N, C-alpha and C. Protein backbone atom coordinates (compact mmCIF):
# COMPACT_ATOMS: atom_id res chain seq x y z
N MET A 1 -7.55 -243.72 34.71
CA MET A 1 -7.94 -242.74 35.25
C MET A 1 -8.15 -241.12 35.12
N HIS A 2 -8.85 -240.77 35.92
CA HIS A 2 -9.68 -239.89 36.14
C HIS A 2 -8.98 -238.30 36.91
N ASN A 3 -8.60 -236.76 35.90
CA ASN A 3 -8.26 -236.00 36.81
C ASN A 3 -9.05 -235.34 37.25
N ILE A 4 -9.41 -235.58 38.30
CA ILE A 4 -10.32 -234.59 39.68
C ILE A 4 -10.21 -233.97 39.95
N THR A 5 -11.00 -232.50 40.20
CA THR A 5 -10.25 -231.16 41.07
C THR A 5 -11.59 -231.21 42.07
N VAL A 6 -11.69 -231.18 43.13
CA VAL A 6 -12.72 -230.46 43.83
C VAL A 6 -12.72 -229.40 44.78
N TYR A 7 -13.38 -228.27 44.01
CA TYR A 7 -13.49 -226.98 44.59
C TYR A 7 -14.63 -226.51 45.60
N THR A 8 -14.10 -226.35 46.94
CA THR A 8 -14.60 -226.56 48.35
C THR A 8 -14.15 -224.42 48.43
N GLN A 9 -15.30 -224.94 50.14
CA GLN A 9 -14.79 -223.91 50.77
C GLN A 9 -15.75 -223.71 51.62
N PRO A 10 -14.83 -223.80 53.12
CA PRO A 10 -15.72 -224.05 54.69
C PRO A 10 -16.81 -223.88 54.67
N ASP A 11 -17.09 -224.67 56.18
CA ASP A 11 -18.37 -224.25 56.18
C ASP A 11 -19.42 -224.67 55.22
N CYS A 12 -19.28 -225.73 53.92
CA CYS A 12 -20.12 -226.17 53.33
C CYS A 12 -20.22 -227.99 53.43
N PRO A 13 -21.88 -227.99 53.33
CA PRO A 13 -21.71 -229.89 53.85
C PRO A 13 -21.61 -230.24 52.64
N PRO A 14 -22.49 -229.52 51.49
CA PRO A 14 -21.69 -230.39 50.27
C PRO A 14 -20.81 -231.20 49.90
N CYS A 15 -19.86 -230.25 50.46
CA CYS A 15 -18.42 -230.33 49.70
C CYS A 15 -17.81 -231.96 50.43
N LYS A 16 -18.07 -231.33 51.75
CA LYS A 16 -17.91 -232.80 52.60
C LYS A 16 -18.80 -234.24 52.34
N ILE A 17 -20.03 -233.95 51.31
CA ILE A 17 -20.42 -235.40 51.08
C ILE A 17 -19.38 -235.61 50.29
N VAL A 18 -19.43 -234.67 48.96
CA VAL A 18 -18.90 -234.89 47.63
C VAL A 18 -17.06 -235.37 47.76
N LYS A 19 -16.63 -234.84 48.81
CA LYS A 19 -15.72 -235.95 48.64
C LYS A 19 -15.64 -237.07 49.79
N MET A 20 -16.38 -237.47 50.91
CA MET A 20 -16.61 -238.61 51.31
C MET A 20 -17.24 -239.68 50.08
N PHE A 21 -18.32 -238.86 48.94
CA PHE A 21 -18.32 -240.01 47.84
C PHE A 21 -17.11 -240.48 47.01
N LEU A 22 -16.14 -239.27 47.19
CA LEU A 22 -14.93 -239.70 46.40
C LEU A 22 -14.10 -240.73 46.87
N GLN A 23 -13.89 -240.07 48.26
CA GLN A 23 -12.98 -241.22 49.36
C GLN A 23 -14.09 -242.60 48.51
N GLU A 24 -14.48 -242.48 48.94
CA GLU A 24 -15.89 -244.44 49.24
C GLU A 24 -15.27 -245.11 48.07
N TYR A 25 -14.65 -243.88 46.66
CA TYR A 25 -14.53 -245.49 45.49
C TYR A 25 -13.06 -245.16 45.16
N ASN A 26 -12.02 -244.31 46.53
CA ASN A 26 -11.24 -245.02 46.39
C ASN A 26 -10.02 -243.65 45.26
N LEU A 27 -11.08 -242.72 44.99
CA LEU A 27 -10.60 -241.28 44.08
C LEU A 27 -9.67 -240.55 44.11
N ASN A 28 -8.70 -240.69 43.13
CA ASN A 28 -7.53 -239.21 44.33
C ASN A 28 -8.28 -238.26 43.70
N PHE A 29 -8.21 -237.50 44.03
CA PHE A 29 -8.46 -235.76 43.76
C PHE A 29 -8.02 -235.31 44.52
N THR A 30 -7.98 -233.81 43.71
CA THR A 30 -7.57 -232.42 44.41
C THR A 30 -8.27 -231.41 44.64
N GLU A 31 -7.86 -230.65 45.81
CA GLU A 31 -8.86 -230.01 46.72
C GLU A 31 -8.73 -228.39 46.93
N LYS A 32 -9.38 -227.70 45.77
CA LYS A 32 -8.35 -226.37 45.99
C LYS A 32 -10.02 -225.87 46.62
N ASP A 33 -9.98 -224.78 47.82
CA ASP A 33 -10.79 -224.24 48.50
C ASP A 33 -10.48 -222.68 48.56
N ILE A 34 -11.88 -222.58 47.67
CA ILE A 34 -12.04 -221.04 47.27
C ILE A 34 -11.97 -219.82 47.95
N LYS A 35 -11.77 -219.98 48.87
CA LYS A 35 -11.98 -218.80 50.09
C LYS A 35 -9.88 -218.70 50.60
N ALA A 36 -9.65 -219.53 50.22
CA ALA A 36 -8.10 -219.81 50.84
C ALA A 36 -7.07 -219.11 49.93
N ASP A 37 -7.38 -219.08 48.57
CA ASP A 37 -7.06 -219.47 46.91
C ASP A 37 -7.98 -218.73 46.23
N LYS A 38 -7.02 -217.15 46.47
CA LYS A 38 -7.71 -216.54 44.61
C LYS A 38 -7.25 -217.66 43.82
N GLN A 39 -6.20 -217.49 42.82
CA GLN A 39 -6.44 -218.64 42.01
C GLN A 39 -7.07 -219.49 41.54
N ALA A 40 -7.51 -220.62 42.55
CA ALA A 40 -8.81 -221.41 42.19
C ALA A 40 -9.83 -220.76 42.26
N ARG A 41 -10.20 -219.66 42.79
CA ARG A 41 -11.67 -218.37 42.99
C ARG A 41 -11.91 -218.09 41.33
N HIS A 42 -10.42 -217.77 40.68
CA HIS A 42 -11.10 -217.09 39.67
C HIS A 42 -10.80 -218.12 38.38
N GLU A 43 -10.18 -219.69 38.65
CA GLU A 43 -10.05 -220.74 37.69
C GLU A 43 -12.00 -221.19 37.50
N LEU A 44 -12.44 -220.97 39.17
CA LEU A 44 -13.48 -221.29 38.70
C LEU A 44 -14.52 -220.96 38.72
N THR A 45 -14.43 -219.52 38.13
CA THR A 45 -15.35 -218.48 38.08
C THR A 45 -15.28 -218.30 35.97
N ASN A 46 -13.94 -218.18 36.27
CA ASN A 46 -14.05 -217.82 34.20
C ASN A 46 -13.15 -218.46 33.59
N GLN A 47 -13.05 -220.14 34.51
CA GLN A 47 -12.75 -221.64 33.36
C GLN A 47 -13.97 -222.37 32.58
N PHE A 48 -14.41 -222.16 34.78
CA PHE A 48 -15.57 -223.30 34.59
C PHE A 48 -17.21 -222.62 34.49
N GLY A 49 -17.56 -220.95 34.94
CA GLY A 49 -18.44 -220.66 34.84
C GLY A 49 -19.21 -220.97 36.22
N SER A 50 -18.50 -221.44 36.91
CA SER A 50 -19.26 -221.76 38.35
C SER A 50 -19.10 -221.04 39.43
N TYR A 51 -19.96 -220.70 40.63
CA TYR A 51 -19.97 -219.08 40.82
C TYR A 51 -20.27 -220.36 43.00
N SER A 52 -20.63 -221.33 42.51
CA SER A 52 -20.69 -222.08 43.92
C SER A 52 -19.97 -223.30 44.32
N THR A 53 -20.03 -224.07 45.16
CA THR A 53 -19.39 -225.00 45.69
C THR A 53 -20.19 -226.22 45.93
N PRO A 54 -19.96 -227.08 46.05
CA PRO A 54 -19.16 -228.29 45.76
C PRO A 54 -19.10 -227.77 44.04
N THR A 55 -18.22 -227.42 42.96
CA THR A 55 -18.03 -227.81 42.14
C THR A 55 -16.72 -229.02 41.20
N VAL A 56 -17.22 -230.03 41.14
CA VAL A 56 -16.20 -230.83 40.65
C VAL A 56 -15.84 -230.84 39.22
N VAL A 57 -14.37 -231.41 38.90
CA VAL A 57 -13.73 -230.65 37.91
C VAL A 57 -13.21 -232.68 37.30
N ILE A 58 -14.56 -233.25 36.56
CA ILE A 58 -13.29 -234.16 35.65
C ILE A 58 -13.19 -233.97 34.55
N ASP A 59 -11.75 -234.10 34.36
CA ASP A 59 -10.89 -234.93 33.52
C ASP A 59 -11.50 -233.39 32.27
N GLY A 60 -11.69 -232.58 32.22
CA GLY A 60 -11.90 -231.02 32.65
C GLY A 60 -13.86 -230.55 31.97
N GLU A 61 -14.35 -231.47 32.48
CA GLU A 61 -15.82 -231.34 32.77
C GLU A 61 -16.44 -231.00 34.12
N ALA A 62 -17.07 -229.49 33.91
CA ALA A 62 -17.83 -229.44 35.87
C ALA A 62 -18.94 -229.60 36.21
N ILE A 63 -18.93 -230.80 37.34
CA ILE A 63 -20.19 -231.11 37.60
C ILE A 63 -20.40 -229.95 38.94
N ILE A 64 -21.53 -228.85 38.50
CA ILE A 64 -21.83 -227.94 39.62
C ILE A 64 -22.80 -229.03 40.82
N GLY A 65 -21.96 -228.57 42.02
CA GLY A 65 -22.79 -229.19 43.16
C GLY A 65 -23.05 -230.82 43.31
N PHE A 66 -23.81 -231.75 44.39
CA PHE A 66 -23.66 -232.49 44.32
C PHE A 66 -23.94 -233.09 43.27
N ASP A 67 -23.97 -233.83 42.41
CA ASP A 67 -24.88 -234.85 41.61
C ASP A 67 -24.71 -235.92 41.93
N GLN A 68 -24.54 -236.96 42.57
CA GLN A 68 -24.01 -238.32 42.45
C GLN A 68 -24.52 -238.64 40.72
N GLU A 69 -25.21 -239.05 40.38
CA GLU A 69 -25.82 -239.46 39.02
C GLU A 69 -24.97 -239.06 37.67
N LYS A 70 -24.86 -238.12 37.92
CA LYS A 70 -24.16 -237.57 36.83
C LYS A 70 -22.20 -237.74 37.10
N LEU A 71 -22.03 -238.14 38.40
CA LEU A 71 -20.64 -238.17 38.96
C LEU A 71 -20.39 -239.94 38.52
N LYS A 72 -21.19 -240.66 38.89
CA LYS A 72 -21.70 -241.94 38.72
C LYS A 72 -21.44 -241.89 36.85
N LYS A 73 -22.22 -241.67 36.74
CA LYS A 73 -22.07 -241.77 34.96
C LYS A 73 -20.83 -240.83 34.47
N LYS A 74 -19.87 -239.71 35.07
CA LYS A 74 -18.83 -239.58 34.33
C LYS A 74 -17.74 -240.60 34.80
N LEU A 75 -17.76 -240.32 36.12
CA LEU A 75 -16.97 -241.70 36.51
C LEU A 75 -16.65 -243.35 36.20
N GLN A 76 -17.93 -243.41 35.52
CA GLN A 76 -18.12 -244.62 34.86
C GLN A 76 -17.88 -245.57 36.26
N ILE A 77 -18.59 -245.14 37.15
CA ILE A 77 -19.68 -245.64 37.94
C ILE A 77 -20.56 -246.77 37.94
N SER A 78 -20.60 -247.76 38.63
CA SER A 78 -22.12 -248.63 38.52
C SER A 78 -22.65 -248.72 39.72
N GLY A 79 -23.92 -248.80 40.04
CA GLY A 79 -24.88 -249.16 40.31
C GLY A 79 -25.57 -247.68 41.38
């Protein structure tokens, strides 16, 4: 089982798409809203070097933006 965290913010269409993608494959994830959660914003920028959403962190590795191929590869999803 993978440890998945999705950094999002309101009014972010790609954020909605990445969450739908993860739900489609029945993957559990933690969502962190960087607008509402100052600590999440700090993690995103300082720990993962990202300044955009969505950023998906899978087992400690950040994937910035909705990159379906990278997500499938990291999550070992075929097809």
